[in-house]
C-alpha atoms as a PDB file:
ATOM      1  CA  MET A   1      12.732  37.416 -64.509  1.00  0.00           C
ATOM      2  CA  MET A   2      13.411  40.334 -62.528  1.00  0.00           C
ATOM      3  CA  LYS A   3       9.535  40.574 -61.616  1.00  0.00           C
ATOM      4  CA  ASN A   4       9.805  36.938 -60.600  1.00  0.00           C
ATOM      5  CA  GLN A   5      12.579  37.655 -58.038  1.00  0.00           C
ATOM      6  CA  LEU A   6      10.679  40.589 -56.692  1.00  0.00           C
ATOM      7  CA  VAL A   7       7.483  38.643 -56.074  1.00  0.00           C
ATOM      8  CA  LEU A   8       9.560  35.755 -54.498  1.00  0.00           C
ATOM      9  CA  ARG A   9      11.302  38.176 -52.191  1.00  0.00           C
ATOM     10  CA  ARG A  10       8.155  39.766 -51.011  1.00  0.00           C
ATOM     11  CA  ARG A  11       6.675  36.220 -50.361  1.00  0.00           C
ATOM     12  CA  GLN A  12       9.984  35.394 -48.275  1.00  0.00           C
ATOM     13  CA  LEU A  13       9.706  38.667 -46.481  1.00  0.00           C
ATOM     14  CA  THR A  14       6.004  38.031 -45.656  1.00  0.00           C
ATOM     15  CA  ALA A  15       6.763  34.682 -44.426  1.00  0.00           C
ATOM     16  CA  LEU A  16       9.631  35.763 -42.200  1.00  0.00           C
ATOM     17  CA  LEU A  17       7.365  38.638 -40.829  1.00  0.00           C
ATOM     18  CA  LEU A  18       4.654  36.074 -40.040  1.00  0.00           C
ATOM     19  CA  ALA A  19       7.220  33.631 -38.282  1.00  0.00           C
ATOM     20  CA  LEU A  20       8.386  36.693 -36.121  1.00  0.00           C
ATOM     21  CA  ILE A  21       4.702  37.432 -35.188  1.00  0.00           C
ATOM     22  CA  VAL A  22       3.793  33.785 -34.369  1.00  0.00           C
ATOM     23  CA  GLY A  23       7.154  33.503 -32.448  1.00  0.00           C
ATOM     24  CA  LEU A  24       6.646  36.509 -30.357  1.00  0.00           C
ATOM     25  CA  LEU A  25       3.118  35.385 -29.497  1.00  0.00           C
ATOM     26  CA  LEU A  26       4.409  31.952 -28.428  1.00  0.00           C
ATOM     27  CA  PHE A  27       7.302  33.512 -26.445  1.00  0.00           C
ATOM     28  CA  GLU A  28       5.071  35.979 -24.664  1.00  0.00           C
ATOM     29  CA  PRO A  29       7.846  38.517 -24.185  1.00  0.00           C
ATOM     30  CA  TRP A  30       5.379  40.421 -21.868  1.00  0.00           C
ATOM     31  CA  SER A  31       6.039  37.605 -19.355  1.00  0.00           C
ATOM     32  CA  LEU A  32       9.323  39.133 -18.690  1.00  0.00           C
ATOM     33  CA  PHE A  33       8.138  42.239 -17.104  1.00  0.00           C
ATOM     34  CA  SER A  34       5.638  40.316 -14.840  1.00  0.00           C
ATOM     35  CA  LYS A  35       6.265  39.344 -11.326  1.00  0.00           C
ATOM     36  CA  PRO A  36       7.440  35.776 -10.490  1.00  0.00           C
ATOM     37  CA  ILE A  37       4.716  33.662  -9.632  1.00  0.00           C
ATOM     38  CA  TRP A  38       5.818  33.604  -5.971  1.00  0.00           C
ATOM     39  CA  GLU A  39       5.286  37.229  -5.619  1.00  0.00           C
ATOM     40  CA  GLN A  40       1.608  36.949  -6.347  1.00  0.00           C
ATOM     41  CA  ALA A  41      -0.308  38.708  -3.404  1.00  0.00           C
ATOM     42  CA  PRO A  42      -2.606  36.044  -1.513  1.00  0.00           C
ATOM     43  CA  SER A  43      -6.254  36.436  -2.031  1.00  0.00           C
ATOM     44  CA  SER A  44      -9.211  34.792   0.017  1.00  0.00           C
ATOM     45  CA  GLU A  45      -9.618  32.538  -2.949  1.00  0.00           C
ATOM     46  CA  SER A  46      -5.879  31.591  -3.107  1.00  0.00           C
ATOM     47  CA  ILE A  47      -5.916  30.999   0.535  1.00  0.00           C
ATOM     48  CA  ALA A  48      -9.193  28.845   0.506  1.00  0.00           C
ATOM     49  CA  LYS A  49      -7.700  26.760  -2.451  1.00  0.00           C
ATOM     50  CA  GLY A  50      -4.486  26.424  -0.492  1.00  0.00           C
ATOM     51  CA  GLU A  51      -6.119  24.907   2.348  1.00  0.00           C
ATOM     52  CA  GLN A  52      -7.789  22.297   0.254  1.00  0.00           C
ATOM     53  CA  ILE A  53      -4.468  21.535  -1.308  1.00  0.00           C
ATOM     54  CA  PHE A  54      -2.741  21.535   1.932  1.00  0.00           C
ATOM     55  CA  ALA A  55      -5.423  19.074   3.318  1.00  0.00           C
ATOM     56  CA  ALA A  56      -4.884  16.739   0.375  1.00  0.00           C
ATOM     57  CA  ASN A  57      -1.226  16.823   0.032  1.00  0.00           C
ATOM     58  CA  CYS A  58       0.478  18.259   3.123  1.00  0.00           C
ATOM     59  CA  VAL A  59      -1.596  17.440   6.237  1.00  0.00           C
ATOM     60  CA  ALA A  60      -0.208  13.861   6.581  1.00  0.00           C
ATOM     61  CA  CYS A  61       3.286  15.142   7.363  1.00  0.00           C
ATOM     62  CA  HIS A  62       2.957  18.622   8.413  1.00  0.00           C
ATOM     63  CA  GLY A  63      -0.314  18.213  10.495  1.00  0.00           C
ATOM     64  CA  GLU A  64      -3.538  19.856  10.654  1.00  0.00           C
ATOM     65  CA  LYS A  65      -3.320  23.755  10.624  1.00  0.00           C
ATOM     66  CA  ALA A  66       0.531  23.183   9.836  1.00  0.00           C
ATOM     67  CA  VAL A  67       1.660  22.528  13.055  1.00  0.00           C
ATOM     68  CA  GLY A  68       4.167  20.156  12.240  1.00  0.00           C
ATOM     69  CA  GLU A  69       4.807  16.558  12.934  1.00  0.00           C
ATOM     70  CA  ASN A  70       5.864  16.946  16.511  1.00  0.00           C
ATOM     71  CA  LEU A  71       4.220  19.757  18.559  1.00  0.00           C
ATOM     72  CA  GLN A  72       7.226  19.788  21.114  1.00  0.00           C
ATOM     73  CA  ARG A  73       9.641  20.265  18.058  1.00  0.00           C
ATOM     74  CA  PRO A  74       8.084  22.636  15.588  1.00  0.00           C
ATOM     75  CA  LEU A  75      11.528  23.162  13.750  1.00  0.00           C
ATOM     76  CA  GLY A  76      11.376  19.659  12.838  1.00  0.00           C
ATOM     77  CA  GLY A  77      14.835  17.723  13.440  1.00  0.00           C
ATOM     78  CA  MET A  78      15.585  14.106  13.662  1.00  0.00           C
ATOM     79  CA  LYS A  79      13.312  11.598  14.774  1.00  0.00           C
ATOM     80  CA  ASP A  80      14.564   9.143  17.767  1.00  0.00           C
ATOM     81  CA  GLN A  81      14.205   6.183  15.466  1.00  0.00           C
ATOM     82  CA  GLY A  82      15.932   8.005  12.453  1.00  0.00           C
ATOM     83  CA  GLY A  83      14.648  10.121   9.748  1.00  0.00           C
ATOM     84  CA  TYR A  84      13.245  13.650   9.874  1.00  0.00           C
ATOM     85  CA  LEU A  85      10.438  15.240  11.603  1.00  0.00           C
ATOM     86  CA  ALA A  86       8.188  17.490   9.197  1.00  0.00           C
ATOM     87  CA  PRO A  87       8.659  21.073  10.473  1.00  0.00           C
ATOM     88  CA  ALA A  88       5.679  23.272  11.353  1.00  0.00           C
ATOM     89  CA  LEU A  89       4.641  25.834   8.529  1.00  0.00           C
ATOM     90  CA  ASN A  90       2.403  27.929  10.685  1.00  0.00           C
ATOM     91  CA  GLY A  91       4.985  30.380  11.688  1.00  0.00           C
ATOM     92  CA  THR A  92       6.475  28.514  15.009  1.00  0.00           C
ATOM     93  CA  GLY A  93       8.846  26.508  12.725  1.00  0.00           C
ATOM     94  CA  HIS A  94      11.669  27.810  10.430  1.00  0.00           C
ATOM     95  CA  ALA A  95       9.673  28.113   7.291  1.00  0.00           C
ATOM     96  CA  TRP A  96       9.391  31.795   7.558  1.00  0.00           C
ATOM     97  CA  HIS A  97      13.093  32.149   7.419  1.00  0.00           C
ATOM     98  CA  HIS A  98      13.155  31.434   3.715  1.00  0.00           C
ATOM     99  CA  PRO A  99      12.081  33.748   0.927  1.00  0.00           C
ATOM    100  CA  ASP A 100       8.844  32.549  -0.880  1.00  0.00           C
ATOM    101  CA  GLU A 101      11.072  31.700  -4.047  1.00  0.00           C
ATOM    102  CA  ILE A 102      12.834  28.948  -1.823  1.00  0.00           C
ATOM    103  CA  LEU A 103       9.582  27.721  -0.317  1.00  0.00           C
ATOM    104  CA  PHE A 104       8.249  27.272  -3.817  1.00  0.00           C
ATOM    105  CA  ARG A 105      11.309  25.506  -4.984  1.00  0.00           C
ATOM    106  CA  ILE A 106      11.249  23.161  -1.926  1.00  0.00           C
ATOM    107  CA  ILE A 107       7.431  22.268  -2.640  1.00  0.00           C
ATOM    108  CA  GLN A 108       8.138  21.691  -6.306  1.00  0.00           C
ATOM    109  CA  GLU A 109      11.381  20.025  -6.224  1.00  0.00           C
ATOM    110  CA  GLY A 110      11.705  18.647  -2.740  1.00  0.00           C
ATOM    111  CA  SER A 111      14.182  18.973   0.082  1.00  0.00           C
ATOM    112  CA  ILE A 112      17.976  19.281  -0.771  1.00  0.00           C
ATOM    113  CA  ALA A 113      18.813  16.637   1.860  1.00  0.00           C
ATOM    114  CA  GLU A 114      18.822  13.402   0.058  1.00  0.00           C
ATOM    115  CA  ASP A 115      17.585  11.378   2.986  1.00  0.00           C
ATOM    116  CA  SER A 116      14.407  13.663   3.613  1.00  0.00           C
ATOM    117  CA  PRO A 117      11.022  12.324   2.901  1.00  0.00           C
ATOM    118  CA  MET A 118      10.122  15.682   1.585  1.00  0.00           C
ATOM    119  CA  ARG A 119       9.871  14.896  -2.217  1.00  0.00           C
ATOM    120  CA  GLY A 120       8.751  17.512  -4.840  1.00  0.00           C
ATOM    121  CA  PHE A 121       5.398  17.918  -5.942  1.00  0.00           C
ATOM    122  CA  ALA A 122       6.284  18.906  -9.599  1.00  0.00           C
ATOM    123  CA  GLY A 123       4.028  16.984 -11.851  1.00  0.00           C
ATOM    124  CA  ARG A 124       1.490  16.397  -9.152  1.00  0.00           C
ATOM    125  CA  LEU A 125       0.645  20.227  -8.354  1.00  0.00           C
ATOM    126  CA  SER A 126       0.689  23.119 -10.737  1.00  0.00           C
ATOM    127  CA  ASP A 127       2.765  26.313  -9.873  1.00  0.00           C
ATOM    128  CA  SER A 128      -0.438  28.056  -8.946  1.00  0.00           C
ATOM    129  CA  GLU A 129      -1.441  25.324  -6.597  1.00  0.00           C
ATOM    130  CA  ILE A 130       1.932  25.460  -4.870  1.00  0.00           C
ATOM    131  CA  ILE A 131       1.535  29.187  -4.496  1.00  0.00           C
ATOM    132  CA  ALA A 132      -1.977  28.714  -3.247  1.00  0.00           C
ATOM    133  CA  SER A 133      -0.567  26.254  -0.692  1.00  0.00           C
ATOM    134  CA  ILE A 134       2.148  28.896   0.498  1.00  0.00           C
ATOM    135  CA  HIS A 135      -0.594  31.511   0.848  1.00  0.00           C
ATOM    136  CA  TYR A 136      -2.497  29.065   3.013  1.00  0.00           C
ATOM    137  CA  PHE A 137       0.236  28.381   5.558  1.00  0.00           C
ATOM    138  CA  LYS A 138       1.427  31.878   5.588  1.00  0.00           C
ATOM    139  CA  SER A 139      -2.163  32.997   6.428  1.00  0.00           C
ATOM    140  CA  LEU A 140      -1.421  30.926   9.617  1.00  0.00           C
ATOM    141  CA  TRP A 141       1.477  33.075  10.495  1.00  0.00           C
ATOM    142  CA  PRO A 142       1.357  35.500  13.397  1.00  0.00           C
ATOM    143  CA  GLU A 143       1.377  39.313  12.177  1.00  0.00           C
ATOM    144  CA  GLU A 144       4.808  39.785  13.832  1.00  0.00           C
ATOM    145  CA  ILE A 145       6.159  36.868  11.826  1.00  0.00           C
ATOM    146  CA  LEU A 146       4.702  38.162   8.604  1.00  0.00           C
ATOM    147  CA  ASN A 147       6.239  41.587   9.195  1.00  0.00           C
ATOM    148  CA  ARG A 148       9.566  39.870   9.977  1.00  0.00           C
ATOM    149  CA  HIS A 149       9.464  37.658   6.701  1.00  0.00           C
ATOM    150  CA  LYS A 150       8.580  40.723   4.567  1.00  0.00           C
ATOM    151  CA  LYS A 151      11.516  42.795   5.932  1.00  0.00           C
ATOM    152  CA  MET A 152      13.762  39.948   5.653  1.00  0.00           C
ATOM    153  CA  VAL A 153      12.762  39.397   1.999  1.00  0.00           C
ATOM    154  CA  GLN A 154      13.187  42.951   1.148  1.00  0.00           C
ATOM    155  CA  HIS A 155      16.789  42.788   1.954  1.00  0.00           C
END
């Protein structure tokens, strides 16, 4: 009887250990130590991929080379007939005033303004595609704007 209990206990501990190992592999605890996706450094590949994603998903509103919907109003604003103008994302608008995490969230979830035409792309673009599109339009920013953005984000 004692031997059977010992064997049963050993099997239970083995099953518990296996469950713990599988759980750790599924949870990926090392991801707790990695940078958030929006902190990934741009590469020539991600910028090129982002340009394609931008052309397919963003150009209709934000224009070629991310100049915005109205060249005279790069900050966006209200249209004369109502509704919002899509702002420039090329460094002449206000996008650079936002940390990359906010840019990521706006693209993923949409604008916080309920009446904005900017709807989220979650379910249509993967996280890496959203990041690639951010890498692309940030590649259009003048060096001065990139530096100001970097300083702003560090504080």
